[in-house]
Amino acid sequence: MKLRSLLYPLLFPAWEFLLMILLPSEYYVGASCRQVRPYPICRFYFEPSLIFFLVVALPFITAALFALWRNSIKTALLSGSAGVTLLIGTALLTIDEGIALLALLLLTPLIQWAGEVALKTKPERSEEALWAVSTVLSSLAVWAVVRMGVAVSV
């Protein structure tokens, strides 16, 4: 296990928290308003744009491309599967937060396993665990960013 691998669970969630600063809430907060009397009544909800999905997946895409450039198929597989899982979890946040978290916890090992079978490779268990932790922490960071973005929009 390399030192770089130990930084993933810290760096990727930190990037997701930077979304609050780097990306305006218009990219992921939607609103429906009704005009009643002089003041509107608005309901704010999570409505992600394509740019939001791209920014959320950017660290995983970057890590996968860097791993492919360095001919590290196992790291590229783990990074790619983590990115796909995070994108699915982010998309499911539009439906329900509980479903998104449950799907994330179930899909992380399933997508890693499917990638291993498809590429006929077997990463170390410690690497798999670190990428799974990184995915879950990044997902929780995205969830926090979304919740704070929707709450601040009021």
N, C-alpha and C. Protein backbone atom coordinates (compact mmCIF):
# COMPACT_ATOMS: atom_id res chain seq x y z
N MET A 1 0.86 -1.17 0.00
CA MET A 1 0.00 0.00 0.00
C MET A 1 0.91 1.23 0.00
N LYS A 2 0.59 2.17 -0.87
CA LYS A 2 1.42 3.35 -1.03
C LYS A 2 0.84 4.51 -0.22
N LEU A 3 1.70 5.48 0.08
CA LEU A 3 1.27 6.66 0.81
C LEU A 3 0.20 7.43 0.04
N ARG A 4 0.35 7.47 -1.29
CA ARG A 4 -0.64 8.15 -2.13
C ARG A 4 -2.03 7.55 -1.93
N SER A 5 -2.09 6.25 -1.79
CA SER A 5 -3.38 5.59 -1.59
C SER A 5 -4.02 5.97 -0.27
N LEU A 6 -3.20 6.23 0.71
CA LEU A 6 -3.74 6.62 2.02
C LEU A 6 -4.31 8.04 2.00
N LEU A 7 -3.89 8.85 1.03
CA LEU A 7 -4.39 10.22 0.94
C LEU A 7 -5.75 10.31 0.24
N TYR A 8 -6.12 9.31 -0.54
CA TYR A 8 -7.38 9.36 -1.27
C TYR A 8 -8.60 9.60 -0.38
N PRO A 9 -8.72 8.89 0.77
CA PRO A 9 -9.90 9.15 1.61
C PRO A 9 -9.95 10.56 2.18
N LEU A 10 -8.85 11.28 2.14
CA LEU A 10 -8.85 12.66 2.62
C LEU A 10 -9.00 13.67 1.49
N LEU A 11 -8.29 13.44 0.38
CA LEU A 11 -8.27 14.41 -0.70
C LEU A 11 -9.59 14.48 -1.47
N PHE A 12 -10.17 13.34 -1.77
CA PHE A 12 -11.39 13.36 -2.57
C PHE A 12 -12.57 13.99 -1.84
N PRO A 13 -12.83 13.66 -0.56
CA PRO A 13 -13.90 14.38 0.14
C PRO A 13 -13.60 15.87 0.29
N ALA A 14 -12.33 16.22 0.44
CA ALA A 14 -11.97 17.65 0.52
C ALA A 14 -12.34 18.35 -0.77
N TRP A 15 -12.13 17.70 -1.90
CA TRP A 15 -12.54 18.28 -3.19
C TRP A 15 -14.06 18.47 -3.23
N GLU A 16 -14.79 17.51 -2.75
CA GLU A 16 -16.25 17.62 -2.78
C GLU A 16 -16.72 18.78 -1.90
N PHE A 17 -16.05 19.01 -0.77
CA PHE A 17 -16.42 20.16 0.06
C PHE A 17 -16.04 21.48 -0.61
N LEU A 18 -15.02 21.46 -1.45
CA LEU A 18 -14.67 22.67 -2.19
C LEU A 18 -15.76 23.07 -3.19
N LEU A 19 -16.65 22.13 -3.48
CA LEU A 19 -17.77 22.45 -4.38
C LEU A 19 -18.57 23.63 -3.85
N MET A 20 -18.65 23.75 -2.53
CA MET A 20 -19.41 24.86 -1.94
C MET A 20 -18.82 26.20 -2.34
N ILE A 21 -17.50 26.24 -2.50
CA ILE A 21 -16.82 27.49 -2.83
C ILE A 21 -16.73 27.67 -4.34
N LEU A 22 -16.41 26.60 -5.05
CA LEU A 22 -16.13 26.69 -6.48
C LEU A 22 -17.36 26.73 -7.37
N LEU A 23 -18.41 26.10 -6.96
CA LEU A 23 -19.58 25.95 -7.83
C LEU A 23 -20.79 26.65 -7.23
N PRO A 24 -21.36 27.62 -7.94
CA PRO A 24 -22.55 28.29 -7.43
C PRO A 24 -23.71 27.31 -7.27
N SER A 25 -24.57 27.59 -6.33
CA SER A 25 -25.68 26.67 -6.04
C SER A 25 -26.68 26.59 -7.19
N GLU A 26 -26.63 27.50 -8.14
CA GLU A 26 -27.54 27.42 -9.30
C GLU A 26 -27.32 26.15 -10.12
N TYR A 27 -26.14 25.54 -9.97
CA TYR A 27 -25.85 24.33 -10.73
C TYR A 27 -26.47 23.08 -10.11
N TYR A 28 -26.97 23.19 -8.87
CA TYR A 28 -27.54 21.99 -8.26
C TYR A 28 -28.75 22.25 -7.38
N VAL A 29 -29.21 23.48 -7.28
CA VAL A 29 -30.41 23.78 -6.51
C VAL A 29 -31.47 24.33 -7.46
N GLY A 30 -32.63 23.71 -7.41
CA GLY A 30 -33.77 24.18 -8.19
C GLY A 30 -34.82 24.77 -7.26
N ALA A 31 -35.73 25.53 -7.83
CA ALA A 31 -36.78 26.15 -7.01
C ALA A 31 -38.08 26.20 -7.81
N SER A 32 -39.16 26.06 -7.09
CA SER A 32 -40.48 26.29 -7.66
C SER A 32 -41.19 27.28 -6.74
N CYS A 33 -41.61 28.37 -7.31
CA CYS A 33 -42.20 29.46 -6.52
C CYS A 33 -43.62 29.74 -6.97
N ARG A 34 -44.40 30.18 -6.01
CA ARG A 34 -45.77 30.64 -6.28
C ARG A 34 -45.89 32.03 -5.70
N GLN A 35 -46.55 32.87 -6.44
CA GLN A 35 -46.74 34.24 -5.95
C GLN A 35 -48.05 34.29 -5.17
N VAL A 36 -47.91 34.50 -3.88
CA VAL A 36 -49.07 34.63 -3.02
C VAL A 36 -48.91 35.94 -2.26
N ARG A 37 -49.84 36.84 -2.52
CA ARG A 37 -49.78 38.18 -1.92
C ARG A 37 -48.47 38.86 -2.34
N PRO A 38 -47.91 39.68 -1.50
CA PRO A 38 -46.69 40.37 -1.95
C PRO A 38 -45.42 39.53 -1.86
N TYR A 39 -45.44 38.43 -1.11
CA TYR A 39 -44.22 37.63 -0.93
C TYR A 39 -44.39 36.26 -1.58
N PRO A 40 -43.38 35.82 -2.33
CA PRO A 40 -43.49 34.49 -2.96
C PRO A 40 -43.22 33.38 -1.94
N ILE A 41 -43.83 32.26 -2.20
CA ILE A 41 -43.58 31.05 -1.42
C ILE A 41 -42.80 30.11 -2.33
N CYS A 42 -41.59 29.75 -1.91
CA CYS A 42 -40.73 28.93 -2.75
C CYS A 42 -40.36 27.62 -2.05
N ARG A 43 -40.18 26.62 -2.87
CA ARG A 43 -39.71 25.32 -2.40
C ARG A 43 -38.39 25.05 -3.13
N PHE A 44 -37.32 24.80 -2.39
CA PHE A 44 -36.02 24.53 -2.98
C PHE A 44 -35.72 23.05 -2.90
N TYR A 45 -35.11 22.52 -3.95
CA TYR A 45 -34.83 21.09 -4.02
C TYR A 45 -33.56 20.85 -4.83
N PHE A 46 -33.04 19.64 -4.72
CA PHE A 46 -31.81 19.25 -5.42
C PHE A 46 -32.14 18.94 -6.87
N GLU A 47 -31.53 19.70 -7.76
CA GLU A 47 -31.71 19.51 -9.20
C GLU A 47 -30.34 19.68 -9.87
N PRO A 48 -29.57 18.60 -9.96
CA PRO A 48 -28.19 18.72 -10.46
C PRO A 48 -28.13 18.93 -11.97
N SER A 49 -27.14 19.69 -12.39
CA SER A 49 -26.89 19.88 -13.81
C SER A 49 -25.77 18.95 -14.25
N LEU A 50 -25.53 18.88 -15.53
CA LEU A 50 -24.46 18.04 -16.06
C LEU A 50 -23.09 18.52 -15.55
N ILE A 51 -22.93 19.82 -15.40
CA ILE A 51 -21.67 20.37 -14.89
C ILE A 51 -21.45 19.91 -13.45
N PHE A 52 -22.50 19.86 -12.66
CA PHE A 52 -22.37 19.39 -11.28
C PHE A 52 -21.86 17.95 -11.25
N PHE A 53 -22.43 17.08 -12.08
CA PHE A 53 -21.98 15.69 -12.13
C PHE A 53 -20.52 15.61 -12.57
N LEU A 54 -20.13 16.43 -13.53
CA LEU A 54 -18.75 16.43 -14.00
C LEU A 54 -17.78 16.86 -12.90
N VAL A 55 -18.14 17.90 -12.16
CA VAL A 55 -17.27 18.40 -11.09
C VAL A 55 -17.20 17.39 -9.94
N VAL A 56 -18.30 16.71 -9.64
CA VAL A 56 -18.30 15.70 -8.58
C VAL A 56 -17.37 14.53 -8.95
N ALA A 57 -17.40 14.13 -10.21
CA ALA A 57 -16.61 12.98 -10.64
C ALA A 57 -15.18 13.33 -11.03
N LEU A 58 -14.86 14.61 -11.09
CA LEU A 58 -13.55 15.04 -11.59
C LEU A 58 -12.36 14.39 -10.88
N PRO A 59 -12.31 14.31 -9.54
CA PRO A 59 -11.13 13.67 -8.94
C PRO A 59 -10.99 12.19 -9.28
N PHE A 60 -12.10 11.50 -9.41
CA PHE A 60 -12.04 10.08 -9.75
C PHE A 60 -11.64 9.88 -11.22
N ILE A 61 -12.14 10.75 -12.10
CA ILE A 61 -11.75 10.68 -13.51
C ILE A 61 -10.26 10.98 -13.65
N THR A 62 -9.80 12.01 -12.94
CA THR A 62 -8.39 12.37 -12.99
C THR A 62 -7.50 11.24 -12.47
N ALA A 63 -7.89 10.64 -11.36
CA ALA A 63 -7.10 9.53 -10.81
C ALA A 63 -7.09 8.33 -11.75
N ALA A 64 -8.23 8.04 -12.38
CA ALA A 64 -8.29 6.92 -13.31
C ALA A 64 -7.42 7.17 -14.55
N LEU A 65 -7.48 8.38 -15.10
CA LEU A 65 -6.66 8.70 -16.27
C LEU A 65 -5.18 8.68 -15.93
N PHE A 66 -4.82 9.20 -14.76
CA PHE A 66 -3.42 9.17 -14.33
C PHE A 66 -2.95 7.73 -14.14
N ALA A 67 -3.80 6.89 -13.57
CA ALA A 67 -3.43 5.48 -13.38
C ALA A 67 -3.27 4.76 -14.72
N LEU A 68 -4.14 5.07 -15.67
CA LEU A 68 -4.00 4.46 -17.01
C LEU A 68 -2.72 4.93 -17.68
N TRP A 69 -2.38 6.20 -17.49
CA TRP A 69 -1.16 6.73 -18.07
C TRP A 69 0.07 6.03 -17.49
N ARG A 70 -0.02 5.67 -16.21
CA ARG A 70 1.10 4.99 -15.54
C ARG A 70 0.99 3.47 -15.65
N ASN A 71 0.05 2.97 -16.46
CA ASN A 71 -0.17 1.54 -16.67
C ASN A 71 -0.52 0.79 -15.39
N SER A 72 -1.29 1.43 -14.54
CA SER A 72 -1.75 0.79 -13.31
C SER A 72 -3.24 0.48 -13.46
N ILE A 73 -3.53 -0.65 -14.07
CA ILE A 73 -4.91 -1.03 -14.38
C ILE A 73 -5.73 -1.20 -13.11
N LYS A 74 -5.14 -1.73 -12.08
CA LYS A 74 -5.88 -1.98 -10.83
C LYS A 74 -6.35 -0.67 -10.20
N THR A 75 -5.48 0.32 -10.15
CA THR A 75 -5.87 1.61 -9.59
C THR A 75 -6.90 2.30 -10.46
N ALA A 76 -6.73 2.19 -11.78
CA ALA A 76 -7.71 2.78 -12.70
C ALA A 76 -9.08 2.12 -12.52
N LEU A 77 -9.09 0.81 -12.33
CA LEU A 77 -10.33 0.08 -12.10
C LEU A 77 -11.01 0.55 -10.83
N LEU A 78 -10.24 0.66 -9.74
CA LEU A 78 -10.82 1.07 -8.47
C LEU A 78 -11.30 2.52 -8.52
N SER A 79 -10.54 3.39 -9.14
CA SER A 79 -10.95 4.79 -9.25
C SER A 79 -12.18 4.94 -10.14
N GLY A 80 -12.19 4.23 -11.24
CA GLY A 80 -13.35 4.29 -12.14
C GLY A 80 -14.62 3.76 -11.48
N SER A 81 -14.49 2.64 -10.78
CA SER A 81 -15.68 2.08 -10.12
C SER A 81 -16.15 3.00 -9.00
N ALA A 82 -15.21 3.64 -8.29
CA ALA A 82 -15.60 4.59 -7.24
C ALA A 82 -16.32 5.79 -7.85
N GLY A 83 -15.82 6.28 -8.98
CA GLY A 83 -16.46 7.41 -9.65
C GLY A 83 -17.86 7.09 -10.15
N VAL A 84 -18.01 5.91 -10.73
CA VAL A 84 -19.34 5.50 -11.22
C VAL A 84 -20.31 5.36 -10.05
N THR A 85 -19.85 4.76 -8.96
CA THR A 85 -20.70 4.61 -7.77
C THR A 85 -21.10 5.96 -7.21
N LEU A 86 -20.16 6.90 -7.16
CA LEU A 86 -20.48 8.24 -6.66
C LEU A 86 -21.48 8.95 -7.56
N LEU A 87 -21.34 8.79 -8.87
CA LEU A 87 -22.29 9.41 -9.80
C LEU A 87 -23.70 8.82 -9.63
N ILE A 88 -23.77 7.51 -9.45
CA ILE A 88 -25.07 6.88 -9.24
C ILE A 88 -25.68 7.36 -7.93
N GLY A 89 -24.86 7.43 -6.87
CA GLY A 89 -25.34 7.92 -5.58
C GLY A 89 -25.81 9.37 -5.66
N THR A 90 -25.08 10.19 -6.40
CA THR A 90 -25.47 11.59 -6.57
C THR A 90 -26.78 11.70 -7.33
N ALA A 91 -26.94 10.89 -8.36
CA ALA A 91 -28.20 10.90 -9.11
C ALA A 91 -29.36 10.44 -8.23
N LEU A 92 -29.12 9.47 -7.36
CA LEU A 92 -30.18 8.98 -6.48
C LEU A 92 -30.54 9.97 -5.38
N LEU A 93 -29.69 10.96 -5.12
CA LEU A 93 -30.03 12.00 -4.15
C LEU A 93 -31.26 12.80 -4.60
N THR A 94 -31.53 12.81 -5.89
CA THR A 94 -32.72 13.52 -6.37
C THR A 94 -34.00 12.80 -5.94
N ILE A 95 -33.91 11.51 -5.69
CA ILE A 95 -35.08 10.73 -5.28
C ILE A 95 -35.23 10.75 -3.77
N ASP A 96 -34.20 10.22 -3.07
CA ASP A 96 -34.26 10.13 -1.62
C ASP A 96 -32.85 9.94 -1.09
N GLU A 97 -32.56 10.56 0.04
CA GLU A 97 -31.22 10.47 0.62
C GLU A 97 -30.93 9.08 1.17
N GLY A 98 -31.91 8.45 1.77
CA GLY A 98 -31.72 7.11 2.32
C GLY A 98 -31.46 6.08 1.24
N ILE A 99 -32.20 6.18 0.14
CA ILE A 99 -31.98 5.27 -0.99
C ILE A 99 -30.59 5.48 -1.58
N ALA A 100 -30.16 6.74 -1.66
CA ALA A 100 -28.83 7.03 -2.21
C ALA A 100 -27.74 6.42 -1.36
N LEU A 101 -27.84 6.55 -0.05
CA LEU A 101 -26.82 5.99 0.84
C LEU A 101 -26.83 4.46 0.80
N LEU A 102 -28.01 3.87 0.81
CA LEU A 102 -28.10 2.41 0.74
C LEU A 102 -27.54 1.90 -0.58
N ALA A 103 -27.90 2.55 -1.68
CA ALA A 103 -27.38 2.13 -2.98
C ALA A 103 -25.87 2.28 -3.04
N LEU A 104 -25.37 3.34 -2.44
CA LEU A 104 -23.92 3.56 -2.43
C LEU A 104 -23.21 2.44 -1.69
N LEU A 105 -23.74 2.07 -0.53
CA LEU A 105 -23.11 1.02 0.26
C LEU A 105 -23.20 -0.34 -0.42
N LEU A 106 -24.27 -0.58 -1.17
CA LEU A 106 -24.41 -1.85 -1.87
C LEU A 106 -23.65 -1.88 -3.19
N LEU A 107 -23.63 -0.75 -3.91
CA LEU A 107 -23.02 -0.74 -5.23
C LEU A 107 -21.50 -0.66 -5.22
N THR A 108 -20.92 -0.09 -4.18
CA THR A 108 -19.47 0.06 -4.15
C THR A 108 -18.75 -1.28 -4.32
N PRO A 109 -19.01 -2.28 -3.49
CA PRO A 109 -18.31 -3.56 -3.71
C PRO A 109 -18.79 -4.29 -4.96
N LEU A 110 -20.05 -4.11 -5.33
CA LEU A 110 -20.57 -4.80 -6.50
C LEU A 110 -19.92 -4.30 -7.79
N ILE A 111 -19.77 -3.00 -7.93
CA ILE A 111 -19.15 -2.45 -9.13
C ILE A 111 -17.65 -2.78 -9.16
N GLN A 112 -17.00 -2.75 -7.99
CA GLN A 112 -15.59 -3.16 -7.94
C GLN A 112 -15.44 -4.61 -8.38
N TRP A 113 -16.31 -5.47 -7.90
CA TRP A 113 -16.24 -6.89 -8.26
C TRP A 113 -16.49 -7.08 -9.75
N ALA A 114 -17.48 -6.38 -10.30
CA ALA A 114 -17.78 -6.51 -11.73
C ALA A 114 -16.60 -6.05 -12.58
N GLY A 115 -15.93 -5.00 -12.16
CA GLY A 115 -14.74 -4.54 -12.88
C GLY A 115 -13.61 -5.54 -12.81
N GLU A 116 -13.44 -6.17 -11.65
CA GLU A 116 -12.41 -7.19 -11.50
C GLU A 116 -12.68 -8.37 -12.41
N VAL A 117 -13.93 -8.78 -12.50
CA VAL A 117 -14.29 -9.91 -13.35
C VAL A 117 -14.09 -9.54 -14.82
N ALA A 118 -14.50 -8.34 -15.21
CA ALA A 118 -14.40 -7.92 -16.60
C ALA A 118 -12.94 -7.77 -17.04
N LEU A 119 -12.10 -7.22 -16.16
CA LEU A 119 -10.69 -6.99 -16.52
C LEU A 119 -9.76 -8.13 -16.12
N LYS A 120 -10.32 -9.13 -15.44
CA LYS A 120 -9.56 -10.30 -14.98
C LYS A 120 -8.31 -9.88 -14.20
N THR A 121 -8.54 -9.04 -13.22
CA THR A 121 -7.47 -8.58 -12.35
C THR A 121 -7.97 -8.59 -10.91
N LYS A 122 -7.05 -8.61 -9.98
CA LYS A 122 -7.44 -8.66 -8.57
C LYS A 122 -6.59 -7.66 -7.78
N PRO A 123 -7.15 -6.47 -7.46
CA PRO A 123 -6.42 -5.52 -6.62
C PRO A 123 -6.30 -6.04 -5.19
N GLU A 124 -5.37 -5.43 -4.46
CA GLU A 124 -5.21 -5.80 -3.05
C GLU A 124 -6.47 -5.42 -2.27
N ARG A 125 -6.77 -6.19 -1.24
CA ARG A 125 -7.95 -5.90 -0.41
C ARG A 125 -7.82 -4.55 0.28
N SER A 126 -6.62 -4.20 0.70
CA SER A 126 -6.44 -2.92 1.38
C SER A 126 -6.72 -1.76 0.43
N GLU A 127 -6.32 -1.90 -0.84
CA GLU A 127 -6.61 -0.86 -1.83
C GLU A 127 -8.12 -0.76 -2.07
N GLU A 128 -8.78 -1.90 -2.18
CA GLU A 128 -10.23 -1.90 -2.36
C GLU A 128 -10.93 -1.21 -1.20
N ALA A 129 -10.49 -1.50 -0.01
CA ALA A 129 -11.10 -0.89 1.18
C ALA A 129 -10.88 0.62 1.20
N LEU A 130 -9.67 1.05 0.86
CA LEU A 130 -9.40 2.50 0.84
C LEU A 130 -10.25 3.22 -0.19
N TRP A 131 -10.42 2.63 -1.36
CA TRP A 131 -11.26 3.26 -2.38
C TRP A 131 -12.73 3.25 -1.97
N ALA A 132 -13.17 2.19 -1.29
CA ALA A 132 -14.56 2.16 -0.80
C ALA A 132 -14.78 3.24 0.25
N VAL A 133 -13.84 3.39 1.17
CA VAL A 133 -13.94 4.45 2.19
C VAL A 133 -13.95 5.82 1.52
N SER A 134 -13.08 6.00 0.55
CA SER A 134 -13.02 7.27 -0.17
C SER A 134 -14.34 7.57 -0.88
N THR A 135 -14.96 6.55 -1.45
CA THR A 135 -16.24 6.74 -2.13
C THR A 135 -17.33 7.13 -1.14
N VAL A 136 -17.40 6.44 -0.03
CA VAL A 136 -18.43 6.74 0.96
C VAL A 136 -18.23 8.13 1.56
N LEU A 137 -16.99 8.49 1.90
CA LEU A 137 -16.73 9.82 2.45
C LEU A 137 -17.02 10.92 1.42
N SER A 138 -16.67 10.68 0.17
CA SER A 138 -16.98 11.66 -0.88
C SER A 138 -18.48 11.81 -1.06
N SER A 139 -19.18 10.70 -0.98
CA SER A 139 -20.64 10.76 -1.10
C SER A 139 -21.27 11.55 0.04
N LEU A 140 -20.77 11.32 1.24
CA LEU A 140 -21.28 12.09 2.38
C LEU A 140 -20.94 13.57 2.24
N ALA A 141 -19.79 13.88 1.68
CA ALA A 141 -19.43 15.28 1.44
C ALA A 141 -20.35 15.91 0.40
N VAL A 142 -20.65 15.17 -0.67
CA VAL A 142 -21.59 15.68 -1.69
C VAL A 142 -22.96 15.89 -1.06
N TRP A 143 -23.40 14.94 -0.24
CA TRP A 143 -24.70 15.07 0.41
C TRP A 143 -24.72 16.32 1.29
N ALA A 144 -23.65 16.56 2.04
CA ALA A 144 -23.59 17.75 2.90
C ALA A 144 -23.61 19.03 2.07
N VAL A 145 -22.88 19.04 0.98
CA VAL A 145 -22.87 20.21 0.09
C VAL A 145 -24.27 20.48 -0.46
N VAL A 146 -24.94 19.42 -0.86
CA VAL A 146 -26.30 19.57 -1.41
C VAL A 146 -27.25 20.07 -0.34
N ARG A 147 -27.20 19.47 0.84
CA ARG A 147 -28.09 19.90 1.93
C ARG A 147 -27.84 21.36 2.31
N MET A 148 -26.56 21.76 2.40
CA MET A 148 -26.26 23.15 2.74
C MET A 148 -26.65 24.09 1.62
N GLY A 149 -26.47 23.68 0.38
CA GLY A 149 -26.86 24.52 -0.75
C GLY A 149 -28.34 24.77 -0.81
N VAL A 150 -29.12 23.72 -0.53
CA VAL A 150 -30.57 23.85 -0.54
C VAL A 150 -31.02 24.71 0.65
N ALA A 151 -30.40 24.53 1.81
CA ALA A 151 -30.79 25.26 3.01
C ALA A 151 -30.45 26.75 2.90
N VAL A 152 -29.31 27.06 2.29
CA VAL A 152 -28.88 28.45 2.17
C VAL A 152 -29.71 29.20 1.14
N SER A 153 -30.32 28.48 0.21
CA SER A 153 -31.08 29.11 -0.86
C SER A 153 -32.34 29.78 -0.37
N VAL A 154 -32.76 29.52 0.83
CA VAL A 154 -34.01 30.09 1.35
C VAL A 154 -33.88 31.58 1.52
